[in-house]
């Protein structure tokens, strides 16, 4: 008999607490990322954010390539939070296109969050391309500021990159001058995006919020 919603979410909660591990648990998570129940699927993405496994990359790439927008953005968020440099070549095509502006926006943030030399070079190329015009300057600047917060190494490399291109130096300077110091950046277009998307799928807010939290581990007195 197939497991129902509550049983699947309970299993994902166990995995979030570290109580369910191994090959069976990994296979269950991979399956849940494609579950027909949107609540179970959303919970699986939340777990992937917390318990990242590089073995999930082929599934995340597949979702980015052909799924509907909510799941594409969720896949990007998993990549953003886990900063795996290996995904940068897969993010590049999302930057240099205009047919999917939300993916362009999310990919730019994800590249910045991953950081490192390859990411900064990709950002420099993007800011010199016509595709950066599809994002607002305040967002461009806030994300660039995030990418440079890695420390002196990132700032030194960026200084070298803009020294090689006067127009990039001028654009970068203008963006950073007006950038927010501590922006609350997310791949989602607005704060209630996921809650509203759940509502359109017939999931009420109370059920949604309850499912999106992992129970705290119980403290056992010794």
Protein backbone atom coordinates (compact mmCIF):
# COMPACT_ATOMS: atom_id res chain seq x y z
CA UNK A 1 0.00 0.00 0.00
CA UNK A 2 1.40 3.40 -0.98
CA UNK A 3 2.37 5.74 1.83
CA UNK A 4 0.12 8.75 2.40
CA UNK A 5 0.97 12.40 2.95
CA UNK A 6 1.33 12.23 6.74
CA UNK A 7 3.52 9.14 6.60
CA UNK A 8 5.81 10.68 3.99
CA UNK A 9 6.16 13.95 5.89
CA UNK A 10 6.87 12.01 9.09
CA UNK A 11 9.63 10.14 7.25
CA UNK A 12 11.12 13.41 5.99
CA UNK A 13 10.99 14.79 9.55
CA UNK A 14 12.91 11.74 10.77
CA UNK A 15 15.52 12.34 8.12
CA UNK A 16 15.76 15.99 9.14
CA UNK A 17 16.50 14.89 12.69
CA UNK A 18 19.12 12.40 11.50
CA UNK A 19 17.01 9.46 12.64
CA UNK A 20 16.71 7.99 9.15
CA UNK A 21 19.89 7.67 7.09
CA UNK A 22 21.49 5.36 4.56
CA UNK A 23 20.68 4.32 1.02
CA UNK A 24 16.97 3.79 1.68
CA UNK A 25 16.60 7.30 3.13
CA UNK A 26 18.51 8.82 0.21
CA UNK A 27 16.32 6.99 -2.28
CA UNK A 28 13.21 8.16 -0.46
CA UNK A 29 14.34 11.79 -0.61
CA UNK A 30 15.08 11.52 -4.32
CA UNK A 31 11.62 10.10 -4.91
CA UNK A 32 9.97 12.75 -2.72
CA UNK A 33 11.53 15.52 -4.81
CA UNK A 34 9.17 14.38 -7.57
CA UNK A 35 6.18 13.46 -5.39
CA UNK A 36 2.73 14.17 -6.84
CA UNK A 37 1.67 15.74 -3.52
CA UNK A 38 2.93 19.35 -3.56
CA UNK A 39 3.18 19.47 0.24
CA UNK A 40 5.37 16.37 0.39
CA UNK A 41 7.46 17.66 -2.49
CA UNK A 42 7.97 21.05 -0.87
CA UNK A 43 9.04 19.35 2.36
CA UNK A 44 11.54 17.26 0.41
CA UNK A 45 13.11 20.40 -1.05
CA UNK A 46 13.34 21.86 2.42
CA UNK A 47 15.16 18.74 3.59
CA UNK A 48 17.51 18.92 0.59
CA UNK A 49 18.40 22.45 1.68
CA UNK A 50 19.27 21.22 5.18
CA UNK A 51 20.88 17.89 4.29
CA UNK A 52 22.56 18.50 0.96
CA UNK A 53 23.93 15.53 -0.96
CA UNK A 54 25.85 15.96 -4.25
CA UNK A 55 24.05 12.87 -5.50
CA UNK A 56 20.98 15.09 -5.79
CA UNK A 57 22.61 17.26 -8.46
CA UNK A 58 21.35 15.33 -11.51
CA UNK A 59 17.79 15.59 -10.16
CA UNK A 60 18.15 19.30 -9.45
CA UNK A 61 19.55 19.90 -12.93
CA UNK A 62 16.62 18.00 -14.42
CA UNK A 63 14.15 20.10 -12.42
CA UNK A 64 15.86 23.32 -13.50
CA UNK A 65 15.64 22.25 -17.12
CA UNK A 66 12.03 21.19 -17.42
CA UNK A 67 9.88 21.76 -14.33
CA UNK A 68 7.43 24.55 -13.59
CA UNK A 69 8.69 27.75 -12.02
CA UNK A 70 8.15 27.03 -8.30
CA UNK A 71 10.19 23.84 -8.40
CA UNK A 72 12.89 25.45 -10.52
CA UNK A 73 13.29 28.20 -7.93
CA UNK A 74 13.33 25.66 -5.13
CA UNK A 75 16.10 23.77 -6.90
CA UNK A 76 18.06 27.00 -7.22
CA UNK A 77 17.59 27.64 -3.53
CA UNK A 78 19.08 24.26 -2.65
CA UNK A 79 22.11 25.15 -4.77
CA UNK A 80 22.35 28.65 -3.30
CA UNK A 81 22.33 27.46 0.30
CA UNK A 82 24.90 24.73 -0.26
CA UNK A 83 27.39 26.68 -2.39
CA UNK A 84 28.70 23.82 -4.53
CA UNK A 85 31.08 25.28 -7.12
CA UNK A 86 30.50 22.33 -9.44
CA UNK A 87 27.10 23.72 -10.41
CA UNK A 88 28.40 26.99 -11.89
CA UNK A 89 28.58 25.72 -15.50
CA UNK A 90 24.92 24.69 -15.20
CA UNK A 91 23.93 28.14 -13.92
CA UNK A 92 25.66 30.06 -16.68
CA UNK A 93 22.97 29.40 -19.35
CA UNK A 94 20.33 30.71 -16.94
CA UNK A 95 22.16 34.02 -16.68
CA UNK A 96 22.54 34.62 -20.38
CA UNK A 97 18.90 34.41 -21.45
CA UNK A 98 15.80 36.59 -21.15
CA UNK A 99 12.88 34.22 -21.64
CA UNK A 100 12.86 33.19 -17.97
CA UNK A 101 13.58 36.35 -15.95
CA UNK A 102 12.86 34.77 -12.56
CA UNK A 103 15.42 32.07 -13.25
CA UNK A 104 17.90 34.69 -14.44
CA UNK A 105 17.35 36.61 -11.19
CA UNK A 106 17.69 33.50 -9.03
CA UNK A 107 20.73 32.22 -10.90
CA UNK A 108 22.56 35.54 -10.40
CA UNK A 109 22.01 35.33 -6.65
CA UNK A 110 22.99 31.66 -6.55
CA UNK A 111 26.27 32.34 -8.37
CA UNK A 112 27.08 35.13 -5.90
CA UNK A 113 26.24 32.92 -2.93
CA UNK A 114 28.52 30.16 -4.23
CA UNK A 115 31.39 32.63 -4.53
CA UNK A 116 34.98 31.97 -5.46
CA UNK A 117 37.05 32.96 -8.47
CA UNK A 118 34.95 31.22 -11.10
CA UNK A 119 31.77 32.78 -9.72
CA UNK A 120 33.23 36.28 -9.72
CA UNK A 121 34.46 35.92 -13.28
CA UNK A 122 30.99 34.74 -14.30
CA UNK A 123 29.43 37.75 -12.55
CA UNK A 124 31.83 40.09 -14.35
CA UNK A 125 30.91 38.60 -17.72
CA UNK A 126 27.21 38.85 -16.85
CA UNK A 127 27.45 42.52 -15.83
CA UNK A 128 29.10 43.30 -19.16
CA UNK A 129 26.33 41.51 -21.08
CA UNK A 130 22.98 42.95 -22.21
CA UNK A 131 21.18 40.39 -20.02
CA UNK A 132 21.95 42.25 -16.80
CA UNK A 133 19.55 44.94 -18.01
CA UNK A 134 16.67 42.59 -17.18
CA UNK A 135 17.41 43.04 -13.47
CA UNK A 136 17.04 46.22 -11.45
CA UNK A 137 20.22 48.05 -10.48
CA UNK A 138 19.45 47.85 -6.76
CA UNK A 139 19.24 44.06 -7.00
CA UNK A 140 22.38 43.85 -9.15
CA UNK A 141 24.26 45.92 -6.57
CA UNK A 142 22.95 44.05 -3.54
CA UNK A 143 23.95 40.69 -5.01
CA UNK A 144 27.35 41.96 -6.12
CA UNK A 145 27.92 43.28 -2.60
CA UNK A 146 27.09 39.81 -1.26
CA UNK A 147 29.62 38.20 -3.60
CA UNK A 148 32.34 40.54 -2.35
CA UNK A 149 31.69 39.86 1.32
CA UNK A 150 33.77 36.70 1.16
CA UNK A 151 36.77 38.73 2.25
CA UNK A 152 39.96 40.26 0.94
CA UNK A 153 40.58 37.55 -1.67
CA UNK A 154 37.25 38.22 -3.38
CA UNK A 155 37.74 41.98 -3.26
CA UNK A 156 41.28 41.69 -4.65
CA UNK A 157 40.12 39.56 -7.56
CA UNK A 158 37.22 41.89 -8.30
CA UNK A 159 39.59 44.88 -8.26
CA UNK A 160 41.74 43.06 -10.81
CA UNK A 161 38.75 42.26 -13.01
CA UNK A 162 37.39 45.80 -13.10
CA UNK A 163 40.89 47.23 -13.67
CA UNK A 164 40.84 45.40 -16.99
CA UNK A 165 37.58 47.03 -18.12
CA UNK A 166 36.77 50.71 -17.58
CA UNK A 167 33.06 50.35 -18.31
CA UNK A 168 32.74 47.45 -15.86
CA UNK A 169 34.65 49.48 -13.25
CA UNK A 170 32.25 52.40 -13.64
CA UNK A 171 29.15 50.20 -13.56
CA UNK A 172 30.44 48.25 -10.57
CA UNK A 173 31.21 51.45 -8.69
CA UNK A 174 27.72 52.83 -9.31
CA UNK A 175 26.07 49.57 -8.23
CA UNK A 176 28.09 49.22 -5.03
CA UNK A 177 27.62 52.86 -4.06
CA UNK A 178 23.86 52.36 -3.83
CA UNK A 179 23.89 48.74 -2.61
CA UNK A 180 22.12 47.82 0.62
CA UNK A 181 24.52 46.73 3.35
CA UNK A 182 22.49 43.78 4.62
CA UNK A 183 19.85 42.94 2.04
CA UNK A 184 17.51 40.04 2.67
CA UNK A 185 18.13 38.25 -0.58
CA UNK A 186 16.20 35.26 -1.84
CA UNK A 187 15.69 33.45 -5.13
CA UNK A 188 11.94 33.95 -4.74
CA UNK A 189 10.38 37.09 -6.24
CA UNK A 190 8.63 38.22 -3.04
CA UNK A 191 8.41 37.08 0.63
CA UNK A 192 5.06 35.26 0.47
CA UNK A 193 5.72 33.59 -2.87
CA UNK A 194 5.78 30.02 -1.54
CA UNK A 195 2.76 30.49 0.74
CA UNK A 196 0.72 31.96 -2.10
CA UNK A 197 1.82 29.21 -4.47
CA UNK A 198 0.70 26.61 -1.91
CA UNK A 199 -2.70 28.31 -1.73
CA UNK A 200 -3.13 28.02 -5.47
CA UNK A 201 -2.56 24.27 -5.04
CA UNK A 202 -5.34 24.04 -2.47
CA UNK A 203 -3.07 23.88 0.60
CA UNK A 204 -4.26 26.14 3.43
CA UNK A 205 -1.75 28.36 5.21
CA UNK A 206 -1.93 26.50 8.56
CA UNK A 207 -1.24 23.11 6.97
CA UNK A 208 1.54 24.61 4.88
CA UNK A 209 3.36 26.31 7.75
CA UNK A 210 3.11 23.26 9.99
CA UNK A 211 4.61 21.02 7.32
CA UNK A 212 7.45 23.41 6.52
CA UNK A 213 9.06 23.15 9.95
CA UNK A 214 11.14 20.30 11.27
CA UNK A 215 10.38 19.27 14.86
CA UNK A 216 13.07 20.16 17.34
CA UNK A 217 15.08 17.29 18.71
CA UNK A 218 13.81 16.27 22.12
CA UNK A 219 16.31 16.72 24.94
CA UNK A 220 16.62 13.56 26.97
CA UNK A 221 17.57 14.06 30.61
CA UNK A 222 20.35 11.76 31.79
